[in-house]
Amino acid sequence: MSKVQVHVDGVGAMGRRFVDAWHRATGGEDMHETHVTFLDLGSMQATLSPRRLELLRHVRQNGAASVRGLAAALERDYKNVHQDVAALELAGLLVRDGRKLTAPWDELQASVALA
């Protein structure tokens, strides 16, 4: 199962995750982790809105040959779907290959740092 770990955390914690992964990789561990870090909860909530999560689920389960085709499949306005795709792609949660879109994650795990 492939998963992406989404964090609300500071730059320092993001750096510590990187250094930890670097040490594990240089120690011979096979590294297959994906992390996305948001610096504040509002940014994460805006990026992972219910509509965008629905879009990610649809792309994961059905794929999408194009944004236009995705908008038609979701029965949503093209412009809004295009904006959602751009935001999810910028966050690294949606992958584009030409026109084709994929969401290569079976699971999205979110964590919010309290300290």
C-alpha atoms as a PDB file:
ATOM      1  CA  MET A   1       0.000   0.000   0.000  1.00  0.00           C
ATOM      2  CA  SER A   2       1.349   3.417  -0.910  1.00  0.00           C
ATOM      3  CA  LYS A   3       0.632   6.325   1.363  1.00  0.00           C
ATOM      4  CA  VAL A   4       1.420   9.991   1.560  1.00  0.00           C
ATOM      5  CA  GLN A   5       1.963  11.559   4.942  1.00  0.00           C
ATOM      6  CA  VAL A   6       0.608  15.074   5.273  1.00  0.00           C
ATOM      7  CA  HIS A   7       1.891  17.213   8.121  1.00  0.00           C
ATOM      8  CA  VAL A   8       1.039  20.571   9.620  1.00  0.00           C
ATOM      9  CA  ASP A   9       4.366  21.487  11.091  1.00  0.00           C
ATOM     10  CA  GLY A  10       7.227  23.937  10.986  1.00  0.00           C
ATOM     11  CA  VAL A  11      10.252  24.106   8.738  1.00  0.00           C
ATOM     12  CA  GLY A  12      12.431  22.664  11.514  1.00  0.00           C
ATOM     13  CA  ALA A  13      10.365  19.485  11.745  1.00  0.00           C
ATOM     14  CA  MET A  14      10.362  19.181   7.966  1.00  0.00           C
ATOM     15  CA  GLY A  15      14.162  19.422   8.026  1.00  0.00           C
ATOM     16  CA  ARG A  16      14.407  16.787  10.764  1.00  0.00           C
ATOM     17  CA  ARG A  17      12.268  14.384   8.673  1.00  0.00           C
ATOM     18  CA  PHE A  18      14.595  14.973   5.734  1.00  0.00           C
ATOM     19  CA  VAL A  19      17.754  14.379   7.764  1.00  0.00           C
ATOM     20  CA  ASP A  20      16.258  11.233   9.336  1.00  0.00           C
ATOM     21  CA  ALA A  21      15.317   9.883   5.909  1.00  0.00           C
ATOM     22  CA  TRP A  22      18.776  10.753   4.572  1.00  0.00           C
ATOM     23  CA  HIS A  23      20.470   8.819   7.379  1.00  0.00           C
ATOM     24  CA  ARG A  24      18.205   5.820   6.887  1.00  0.00           C
ATOM     25  CA  ALA A  25      18.820   5.835   3.127  1.00  0.00           C
ATOM     26  CA  THR A  26      22.601   6.096   3.483  1.00  0.00           C
ATOM     27  CA  GLY A  27      22.372   3.234   6.003  1.00  0.00           C
ATOM     28  CA  GLY A  28      20.945   1.048   3.269  1.00  0.00           C
ATOM     29  CA  GLU A  29      17.246   1.264   4.086  1.00  0.00           C
ATOM     30  CA  ASP A  30      15.014   1.144   1.015  1.00  0.00           C
ATOM     31  CA  MET A  31      13.200   4.489   1.213  1.00  0.00           C
ATOM     32  CA  HIS A  32       9.719   4.821  -0.240  1.00  0.00           C
ATOM     33  CA  GLU A  33       8.148   7.645   1.758  1.00  0.00           C
ATOM     34  CA  THR A  34       6.274  10.679   0.601  1.00  0.00           C
ATOM     35  CA  HIS A  35       5.684  13.628   2.901  1.00  0.00           C
ATOM     36  CA  VAL A  36       3.813  16.853   2.267  1.00  0.00           C
ATOM     37  CA  THR A  37       4.159  19.605   4.858  1.00  0.00           C
ATOM     38  CA  PHE A  38       1.852  22.557   5.351  1.00  0.00           C
ATOM     39  CA  LEU A  39       3.037  25.327   7.643  1.00  0.00           C
ATOM     40  CA  ASP A  40      -0.431  25.990   9.037  1.00  0.00           C
ATOM     41  CA  LEU A  41      -3.726  24.173   9.486  1.00  0.00           C
ATOM     42  CA  GLY A  42      -5.658  26.646   7.342  1.00  0.00           C
ATOM     43  CA  SER A  43      -3.477  25.897   4.323  1.00  0.00           C
ATOM     44  CA  MET A  44      -3.945  22.167   4.755  1.00  0.00           C
ATOM     45  CA  GLN A  45      -7.705  22.509   5.163  1.00  0.00           C
ATOM     46  CA  ALA A  46      -7.953  24.752   2.094  1.00  0.00           C
ATOM     47  CA  THR A  47      -5.902  22.348  -0.003  1.00  0.00           C
ATOM     48  CA  LEU A  48      -7.691  19.238   1.258  1.00  0.00           C
ATOM     49  CA  SER A  49     -11.245  20.539   1.089  1.00  0.00           C
ATOM     50  CA  PRO A  50     -14.047  17.960   0.820  1.00  0.00           C
ATOM     51  CA  ARG A  51     -14.378  18.620  -2.933  1.00  0.00           C
ATOM     52  CA  ARG A  52     -10.648  18.149  -3.474  1.00  0.00           C
ATOM     53  CA  LEU A  53     -10.597  14.954  -1.433  1.00  0.00           C
ATOM     54  CA  GLU A  54     -13.485  13.695  -3.568  1.00  0.00           C
ATOM     55  CA  LEU A  55     -11.450  14.578  -6.659  1.00  0.00           C
ATOM     56  CA  LEU A  56      -8.389  12.718  -5.310  1.00  0.00           C
ATOM     57  CA  ARG A  57     -10.499   9.633  -4.544  1.00  0.00           C
ATOM     58  CA  HIS A  58     -12.018   9.688  -8.010  1.00  0.00           C
ATOM     59  CA  VAL A  59      -8.642  10.007  -9.720  1.00  0.00           C
ATOM     60  CA  ARG A  60      -7.176   7.252  -7.517  1.00  0.00           C
ATOM     61  CA  GLN A  61     -10.009   4.869  -8.323  1.00  0.00           C
ATOM     62  CA  ASN A  62     -10.660   5.778 -11.974  1.00  0.00           C
ATOM     63  CA  GLY A  63      -7.726   7.782 -13.270  1.00  0.00           C
ATOM     64  CA  ALA A  64      -8.269  10.845 -15.434  1.00  0.00           C
ATOM     65  CA  ALA A  65      -7.200  11.300 -19.031  1.00  0.00           C
ATOM     66  CA  SER A  66      -7.618  15.083 -18.785  1.00  0.00           C
ATOM     67  CA  VAL A  67      -8.932  17.847 -16.569  1.00  0.00           C
ATOM     68  CA  ARG A  68     -11.885  18.293 -18.920  1.00  0.00           C
ATOM     69  CA  GLY A  69     -12.735  14.598 -18.693  1.00  0.00           C
ATOM     70  CA  LEU A  70     -12.375  14.725 -14.914  1.00  0.00           C
ATOM     71  CA  ALA A  71     -14.726  17.701 -14.694  1.00  0.00           C
ATOM     72  CA  ALA A  72     -17.297  15.835 -16.790  1.00  0.00           C
ATOM     73  CA  ALA A  73     -16.961  12.664 -14.685  1.00  0.00           C
ATOM     74  CA  LEU A  74     -17.416  14.649 -11.466  1.00  0.00           C
ATOM     75  CA  GLU A  75     -20.224  16.720 -13.013  1.00  0.00           C
ATOM     76  CA  ARG A  76     -18.441  19.906 -11.946  1.00  0.00           C
ATOM     77  CA  ASP A  77     -17.492  23.143 -13.657  1.00  0.00           C
ATOM     78  CA  TYR A  78     -14.237  22.850 -15.637  1.00  0.00           C
ATOM     79  CA  LYS A  79     -12.765  26.064 -14.188  1.00  0.00           C
ATOM     80  CA  ASN A  80     -13.278  24.910 -10.591  1.00  0.00           C
ATOM     81  CA  VAL A  81     -11.859  21.454 -11.292  1.00  0.00           C
ATOM     82  CA  HIS A  82      -8.882  23.046 -13.038  1.00  0.00           C
ATOM     83  CA  GLN A  83      -8.207  25.193  -9.941  1.00  0.00           C
ATOM     84  CA  ASP A  84      -8.520  22.145  -7.675  1.00  0.00           C
ATOM     85  CA  VAL A  85      -6.166  20.116  -9.860  1.00  0.00           C
ATOM     86  CA  ALA A  86      -3.621  22.964  -9.864  1.00  0.00           C
ATOM     87  CA  ALA A  87      -3.713  23.239  -6.049  1.00  0.00           C
ATOM     88  CA  LEU A  88      -3.399  19.481  -5.507  1.00  0.00           C
ATOM     89  CA  GLU A  89      -0.629  19.220  -8.076  1.00  0.00           C
ATOM     90  CA  LEU A  90       1.266  22.113  -6.460  1.00  0.00           C
ATOM     91  CA  ALA A  91       1.009  20.343  -3.086  1.00  0.00           C
ATOM     92  CA  GLY A  92       2.381  17.150  -4.635  1.00  0.00           C
ATOM     93  CA  LEU A  93      -0.801  15.144  -4.064  1.00  0.00           C
ATOM     94  CA  LEU A  94      -1.790  14.813  -7.707  1.00  0.00           C
ATOM     95  CA  VAL A  95       0.645  13.855 -10.473  1.00  0.00           C
ATOM     96  CA  ARG A  96       0.360  14.958 -14.084  1.00  0.00           C
ATOM     97  CA  ASP A  97       1.910  13.146 -17.037  1.00  0.00           C
ATOM     98  CA  GLY A  98       1.004  15.220 -20.078  1.00  0.00           C
ATOM     99  CA  ARG A  99      -2.766  15.511 -19.741  1.00  0.00           C
ATOM    100  CA  LYS A 100      -3.162  12.349 -17.689  1.00  0.00           C
ATOM    101  CA  LEU A 101      -3.677  12.752 -13.939  1.00  0.00           C
ATOM    102  CA  THR A 102      -2.918  10.200 -11.257  1.00  0.00           C
ATOM    103  CA  ALA A 103      -3.232  10.061  -7.493  1.00  0.00           C
ATOM    104  CA  PRO A 104      -0.705   7.328  -6.710  1.00  0.00           C
ATOM    105  CA  TRP A 105      -1.654   6.992  -3.041  1.00  0.00           C
ATOM    106  CA  ASP A 106      -3.879   4.384  -1.463  1.00  0.00           C
ATOM    107  CA  GLU A 107      -3.921   6.337   1.771  1.00  0.00           C
ATOM    108  CA  LEU A 108      -3.429   9.893   2.948  1.00  0.00           C
ATOM    109  CA  GLN A 109      -2.356  10.174   6.609  1.00  0.00           C
ATOM    110  CA  ALA A 110      -2.561  13.588   8.227  1.00  0.00           C
ATOM    111  CA  SER A 111      -0.895  14.780  11.399  1.00  0.00           C
ATOM    112  CA  VAL A 112      -0.998  18.133  13.124  1.00  0.00           C
ATOM    113  CA  ALA A 113       1.775  19.119  15.524  1.00  0.00           C
ATOM    114  CA  LEU A 114       0.518  20.613  18.765  1.00  0.00           C
ATOM    115  CA  ALA A 115       3.912  21.510  20.196  1.00  0.00           C
END
